[in-house]
Amino acid sequence: MKIIFDCDPGHDDIFALCALLAHPELFDLLGCTTVAGNQTVEKVTDNLLRVLSYLHHKVDVSIGSPCSLDGRTFVQPVAHGESGMDGPKLPESNFSVTGLDAVEWIYQTIFDQSSPVTIVATGPLTNIANLLSHYPSIKSRIERIAIMGGSLYSGNITSQAEFNIYVDPLAAKIVFDSGIPITMSGLEVCHQAMILHSEIERFNTKGKASKLTYELLEFYSRFAKHLGQPGSPLFDLCPVVELLYPHLFTSVDLFVDVETQGELTCGKTVGDVRGWADKSKVNAKVLVDVDRQAFIDVFVENAGMLDKEG
């Protein structure tokens, strides 16, 4: 499966990256692109390069949009820290970015492939929307877009909207309206895909990837503890594990639209959950539940596989 990873690292983006790197037998990671989200695009790009260098995995990295389609920047320092990935003290990377911006790199990379590409998007959808707007013919070469974003019911950054969609609802609407098959890992499934605080010790080993994961979780769990939650949702890991082991998940096929103007609901993903809804309009496979214990076992297994690489 040919993969492009569009991300905003972000602790949980790194968990998703590790899952992609741990399974070369399934995933051909063509490269990564970054977008402003959890922190500024400069910070998240630096985080990504540091992790790739630390794990000795060199792949193309291209910098994407510094702001939403309408020019806004909205970051999340409370959950992810000032760096966007507070916790581990990783050395500066000896890797560098490509000379192409994210949209041009994605277009050229997809165009050069002999088979369709799957995009995993774990941040705001600005880069993907720009790609589809500038190069609409590329749609036929994209097999699926697996996103972390949205919610059928309540939100997290507002009462109605999930963070990634809220940051750039105009971009999200372009993606959901594109006609490309979408797998949506929204808050319903992500809140089930939770690592309990007591389970973090499973990563407290000497392996490089496990050590990194442990240090990331130690910081990441502080926010959940502050909220009184029993564990931390592993948001961005969901779309990758679903590609690995779809049988672990329960899903529904729905038509999903995005609210871009509502005073109280801007950024809400509106899924038509009515039993009599027109099935011909379905545009998304929406994940709603997961086998939590099996999911956590996969999470631990991913780090262990990377540990063996040294």
Protein backbone atom coordinates (compact mmCIF):
# COMPACT_ATOMS: atom_id res chain seq x y z
CA MET A 1 0.00 0.00 0.00
CA LYS A 2 1.57 3.28 -1.12
CA ILE A 3 1.19 5.90 1.62
CA ILE A 4 1.64 9.66 1.92
CA PHE A 5 1.49 10.86 5.52
CA ASP A 6 0.18 14.41 5.97
CA CYS A 7 0.62 15.41 9.60
CA ASP A 8 1.19 18.04 12.31
CA PRO A 9 3.40 16.30 14.93
CA GLY A 10 2.07 16.26 17.69
CA HIS A 11 2.57 13.33 20.07
CA ASP A 12 -0.09 11.10 18.53
CA ASP A 13 1.10 11.87 14.97
CA ILE A 14 4.39 10.24 15.98
CA PHE A 15 2.53 7.15 17.17
CA ALA A 16 0.93 6.96 13.72
CA LEU A 17 4.31 7.47 12.04
CA CYS A 18 5.83 4.63 14.07
CA ALA A 19 3.01 2.33 12.97
CA LEU A 20 3.71 3.17 9.33
CA LEU A 21 7.46 2.61 9.76
CA ALA A 22 6.99 -0.64 11.69
CA HIS A 23 5.16 -2.37 8.83
CA PRO A 24 7.18 -2.08 5.61
CA GLU A 25 5.64 -5.35 4.47
CA LEU A 26 2.33 -3.50 4.06
CA PHE A 27 3.14 0.21 3.90
CA ASP A 28 5.36 1.80 1.29
CA LEU A 29 5.80 5.21 2.93
CA LEU A 30 6.52 7.53 0.02
CA GLY A 31 7.06 10.54 2.27
CA CYS A 32 5.56 12.98 4.73
CA THR A 33 4.12 16.47 4.49
CA THR A 34 3.48 18.88 7.32
CA VAL A 35 0.73 21.37 8.07
CA ALA A 36 0.10 23.89 10.83
CA GLY A 37 -2.17 22.41 13.48
CA ASN A 38 -0.93 21.20 16.84
CA GLN A 39 1.74 23.88 16.49
CA THR A 40 3.14 26.13 13.78
CA VAL A 41 4.26 24.43 10.60
CA GLU A 42 7.89 25.26 11.39
CA LYS A 43 7.70 23.56 14.78
CA VAL A 44 5.86 20.45 13.61
CA THR A 45 8.28 20.03 10.70
CA ASP A 46 11.22 20.22 13.10
CA ASN A 47 9.54 17.62 15.33
CA LEU A 48 9.04 15.26 12.40
CA LEU A 49 12.64 15.58 11.21
CA ARG A 50 13.99 14.99 14.72
CA VAL A 51 11.97 11.79 15.12
CA LEU A 52 12.89 10.42 11.69
CA SER A 53 16.56 11.12 12.37
CA TYR A 54 16.37 9.56 15.85
CA LEU A 55 14.78 6.40 14.42
CA HIS A 56 17.18 6.33 11.43
CA HIS A 57 14.40 6.41 8.85
CA LYS A 58 15.06 8.83 6.04
CA VAL A 59 12.01 9.69 3.92
CA ASP A 60 11.03 12.77 1.95
CA VAL A 61 9.59 15.57 4.08
CA SER A 62 7.93 18.62 2.53
CA ILE A 63 6.60 21.67 4.34
CA GLY A 64 2.96 22.53 3.81
CA SER A 65 0.56 25.29 4.68
CA PRO A 66 1.32 27.64 7.61
CA CYS A 67 -2.35 28.60 7.96
CA SER A 68 -5.90 27.66 7.02
CA LEU A 69 -7.41 28.43 3.62
CA ASP A 70 -8.82 31.68 5.01
CA GLY A 71 -5.50 32.68 6.58
CA ARG A 72 -6.05 31.74 10.23
CA THR A 73 -3.54 30.00 12.51
CA PHE A 74 -4.82 28.11 15.53
CA VAL A 75 -2.49 25.89 17.56
CA GLN A 76 -2.87 23.60 20.58
CA PRO A 77 -0.07 24.27 23.12
CA VAL A 78 -2.11 23.09 26.12
CA ALA A 79 -2.21 19.45 25.00
CA HIS A 80 1.06 19.28 23.06
CA GLY A 81 3.30 21.91 24.64
CA GLU A 82 5.16 24.87 23.19
CA SER A 83 7.18 22.70 20.82
CA GLY A 84 4.13 20.72 19.74
CA MET A 85 5.87 17.59 20.99
CA ASP A 86 7.02 18.37 24.52
CA GLY A 87 8.52 15.58 26.60
CA PRO A 88 11.42 13.87 24.80
CA LYS A 89 14.67 15.78 24.38
CA LEU A 90 15.65 14.72 20.90
CA PRO A 91 18.82 16.01 19.21
CA GLU A 92 18.60 18.23 16.18
CA SER A 93 18.01 16.32 12.98
CA ASN A 94 20.63 15.85 10.30
CA PHE A 95 17.81 15.44 7.77
CA SER A 96 16.38 18.29 5.70
CA VAL A 97 13.20 19.01 3.78
CA THR A 98 12.76 18.68 0.04
CA GLY A 99 12.87 21.73 -2.19
CA LEU A 100 9.17 21.40 -3.01
CA ASP A 101 6.23 22.62 -1.00
CA ALA A 102 3.80 19.97 0.18
CA VAL A 103 1.20 20.37 -2.56
CA GLU A 104 3.74 20.20 -5.39
CA TRP A 105 5.52 17.26 -3.77
CA ILE A 106 2.29 15.31 -3.24
CA TYR A 107 1.19 15.95 -6.81
CA GLN A 108 4.49 14.89 -8.37
CA THR A 109 4.83 11.86 -6.09
CA ILE A 110 1.32 10.58 -6.81
CA PHE A 111 1.70 11.28 -10.53
CA ASP A 112 4.91 9.23 -10.65
CA GLN A 113 3.32 6.11 -9.13
CA SER A 114 2.06 3.22 -11.24
CA SER A 115 -0.79 2.50 -8.81
CA PRO A 116 -3.11 4.63 -6.64
CA VAL A 117 -1.89 6.16 -3.39
CA THR A 118 -3.56 6.30 0.02
CA ILE A 119 -3.22 9.56 1.95
CA VAL A 120 -3.21 9.36 5.75
CA ALA A 121 -4.06 12.82 7.11
CA THR A 122 -3.81 13.42 10.84
CA GLY A 123 -3.91 17.22 10.94
CA PRO A 124 -6.04 19.96 9.39
CA LEU A 125 -6.84 19.16 5.76
CA THR A 126 -5.38 22.34 4.23
CA ASN A 127 -2.67 20.65 2.15
CA ILE A 128 -5.08 18.06 0.76
CA ALA A 129 -7.69 20.69 -0.11
CA ASN A 130 -5.06 22.78 -1.89
CA LEU A 131 -3.93 19.70 -3.81
CA LEU A 132 -7.47 18.87 -4.96
CA SER A 133 -8.20 22.50 -5.86
CA HIS A 134 -5.02 23.03 -7.87
CA TYR A 135 -4.85 19.56 -9.45
CA PRO A 136 -8.39 18.12 -9.66
CA SER A 137 -7.26 15.46 -12.14
CA ILE A 138 -5.19 13.82 -9.39
CA LYS A 139 -8.35 12.48 -7.73
CA SER A 140 -8.39 9.34 -9.87
CA ARG A 141 -4.91 8.46 -8.59
CA ILE A 142 -5.88 8.63 -4.90
CA GLU A 143 -7.25 5.34 -3.61
CA ARG A 144 -8.47 6.65 -0.25
CA ILE A 145 -7.98 9.45 2.26
CA ALA A 146 -7.81 8.11 5.81
CA ILE A 147 -8.29 11.04 8.17
CA MET A 148 -8.29 11.67 11.87
CA GLY A 149 -10.91 14.32 12.27
CA GLY A 150 -14.52 15.09 12.87
CA SER A 151 -17.26 13.81 15.12
CA LEU A 152 -20.82 12.65 14.62
CA TYR A 153 -21.97 14.11 17.91
CA SER A 154 -20.09 16.38 20.34
CA GLY A 155 -16.78 18.12 19.68
CA ASN A 156 -13.62 18.78 21.67
CA ILE A 157 -12.25 22.19 20.71
CA THR A 158 -15.84 23.51 20.82
CA SER A 159 -19.02 21.80 21.93
CA GLN A 160 -19.72 20.79 18.33
CA ALA A 161 -16.40 20.69 16.44
CA GLU A 162 -13.34 18.46 16.55
CA PHE A 163 -9.99 20.29 16.43
CA ASN A 164 -8.60 19.25 13.01
CA ILE A 165 -11.82 20.12 11.19
CA TYR A 166 -12.35 23.30 13.21
CA VAL A 167 -8.91 24.64 12.28
CA ASP A 168 -9.82 24.60 8.57
CA PRO A 169 -13.47 23.75 7.89
CA LEU A 170 -13.29 25.09 4.33
CA ALA A 171 -10.52 22.62 3.55
CA ALA A 172 -12.40 19.77 5.19
CA LYS A 173 -15.48 20.50 3.09
CA ILE A 174 -13.42 20.38 -0.11
CA VAL A 175 -12.05 16.98 0.89
CA PHE A 176 -15.41 15.49 1.90
CA ASP A 177 -17.00 16.84 -1.29
CA SER A 178 -14.20 15.48 -3.51
CA GLY A 179 -15.71 12.09 -4.32
CA ILE A 180 -12.56 10.32 -3.11
CA PRO A 181 -13.33 7.47 -0.67
CA ILE A 182 -12.77 8.66 2.91
CA THR A 183 -12.23 6.74 6.12
CA MET A 184 -13.03 9.05 9.03
CA SER A 185 -11.59 8.35 12.46
CA GLY A 186 -13.62 10.79 14.50
CA LEU A 187 -14.00 11.37 18.20
CA GLU A 188 -16.40 8.45 18.64
CA VAL A 189 -13.73 5.84 17.87
CA CYS A 190 -10.76 7.86 19.13
CA HIS A 191 -12.22 8.15 22.61
CA GLN A 192 -12.49 4.35 22.65
CA ALA A 193 -8.87 4.00 21.44
CA MET A 194 -7.51 5.11 24.80
CA ILE A 195 -4.35 4.01 26.57
CA LEU A 196 -4.92 3.85 30.31
CA HIS A 197 -2.38 5.65 32.46
CA SER A 198 -1.40 2.33 34.04
CA GLU A 199 -0.58 0.87 30.60
CA ILE A 200 2.09 3.45 29.77
CA GLU A 201 4.63 1.37 31.71
CA ARG A 202 4.47 -1.22 28.92
CA PHE A 203 6.75 1.12 26.95
CA ASN A 204 9.28 1.65 29.74
CA THR A 205 12.02 -0.45 28.11
CA LYS A 206 15.45 0.15 26.60
CA GLY A 207 14.42 0.12 22.94
CA LYS A 208 14.71 3.43 21.09
CA ALA A 209 11.15 3.52 19.78
CA SER A 210 9.65 2.32 23.06
CA LYS A 211 11.68 4.87 25.03
CA LEU A 212 10.51 7.64 22.70
CA THR A 213 6.90 6.47 22.99
CA TYR A 214 7.15 6.29 26.78
CA GLU A 215 8.50 9.84 27.03
CA LEU A 216 5.84 11.14 24.65
CA LEU A 217 3.09 9.45 26.65
CA GLU A 218 4.45 10.74 29.95
CA PHE A 219 3.85 14.31 28.77
CA TYR A 220 0.77 13.59 26.66
CA SER A 221 -1.03 11.93 29.57
CA ARG A 222 -0.78 15.07 31.73
CA PHE A 223 -3.62 16.73 29.84
CA ALA A 224 -5.90 13.70 30.25
CA LYS A 225 -5.07 13.51 33.95
CA HIS A 226 -5.87 17.21 34.31
CA LEU A 227 -9.29 16.52 32.78
CA GLY A 228 -9.84 13.58 35.13
CA GLN A 229 -9.79 11.00 32.33
CA PRO A 230 -8.60 7.43 32.98
CA GLY A 231 -6.33 7.51 29.95
CA SER A 232 -5.27 9.31 26.78
CA PRO A 233 -7.06 8.89 23.44
CA LEU A 234 -4.61 7.90 20.70
CA PHE A 235 -6.35 9.97 18.05
CA ASP A 236 -3.92 9.89 15.13
CA LEU A 237 -3.00 6.24 15.53
CA CYS A 238 -6.56 5.18 14.63
CA PRO A 239 -6.48 5.65 10.83
CA VAL A 240 -3.21 3.73 10.50
CA VAL A 241 -4.24 0.80 12.69
CA GLU A 242 -7.50 0.60 10.73
CA LEU A 243 -5.48 0.19 7.54
CA LEU A 244 -3.47 -2.54 9.27
CA TYR A 245 -6.28 -4.40 11.04
CA PRO A 246 -9.71 -3.24 9.85
CA HIS A 247 -11.38 -6.14 11.67
CA LEU A 248 -10.65 -4.42 15.00
CA PHE A 249 -13.06 -1.61 14.14
CA THR A 250 -16.79 -1.10 13.76
CA SER A 251 -17.85 1.39 11.10
CA VAL A 252 -20.88 2.90 9.40
CA ASP A 253 -21.12 4.23 5.86
CA LEU A 254 -22.56 7.75 5.87
CA PHE A 255 -22.88 10.97 3.94
CA VAL A 256 -20.80 13.50 5.85
CA ASP A 257 -20.88 17.25 5.23
CA VAL A 258 -18.96 20.04 6.96
CA GLU A 259 -20.46 23.17 8.50
CA THR A 260 -18.35 26.17 7.47
CA GLN A 261 -20.42 29.14 8.64
CA GLY A 262 -22.49 28.34 11.72
CA GLU A 263 -21.91 30.70 14.63
CA LEU A 264 -22.16 27.83 17.11
CA THR A 265 -21.37 24.89 14.85
CA CYS A 266 -18.54 25.98 12.52
CA GLY A 267 -16.24 23.02 11.91
CA LYS A 268 -18.82 20.38 12.76
CA THR A 269 -18.91 17.27 10.60
CA VAL A 270 -22.57 16.52 10.00
CA GLY A 271 -23.20 12.83 9.36
CA ASP A 272 -26.59 11.76 8.07
CA VAL A 273 -27.29 8.96 10.54
CA ARG A 274 -30.96 8.57 9.60
CA GLY A 275 -31.81 5.00 8.73
CA TRP A 276 -33.68 6.14 5.64
CA ALA A 277 -30.93 8.46 4.35
CA ASP A 278 -30.10 8.31 0.63
CA LYS A 279 -27.30 5.72 0.43
CA SER A 280 -26.22 6.98 -3.00
CA LYS A 281 -24.77 10.06 -1.29
CA VAL A 282 -22.49 8.11 1.06
CA ASN A 283 -18.97 9.57 0.99
CA ALA A 284 -17.32 8.26 4.15
CA LYS A 285 -16.63 5.11 6.11
CA VAL A 286 -16.96 6.40 9.67
CA LEU A 287 -15.27 4.43 12.44
CA VAL A 288 -17.38 4.30 15.59
CA ASP A 289 -15.85 1.63 17.85
CA VAL A 290 -12.68 -0.42 18.32
CA ASP A 291 -11.44 -3.42 20.29
CA ARG A 292 -9.48 -1.30 22.77
CA GLN A 293 -7.27 -4.00 24.22
CA ALA A 294 -6.26 -5.34 20.82
CA PHE A 295 -5.61 -1.78 19.66
CA ILE A 296 -3.23 -1.14 22.58
CA ASP A 297 -1.48 -4.45 21.92
CA VAL A 298 -0.85 -3.30 18.33
CA PHE A 299 0.48 0.02 19.65
CA VAL A 300 2.99 -1.79 21.86
CA GLU A 301 3.87 -4.22 19.08
CA ASN A 302 4.66 -1.36 16.67
CA ALA A 303 7.24 0.12 19.02
CA GLY A 304 8.74 -3.30 19.68
CA MET A 305 9.21 -3.93 15.96
CA LEU A 306 11.06 -0.63 15.57
CA ASP A 307 13.15 -1.40 18.67
CA LYS A 308 14.57 -4.45 16.88
CA GLU A 309 16.01 -2.19 14.18
CA GLY A 310 18.39 -0.73 16.79
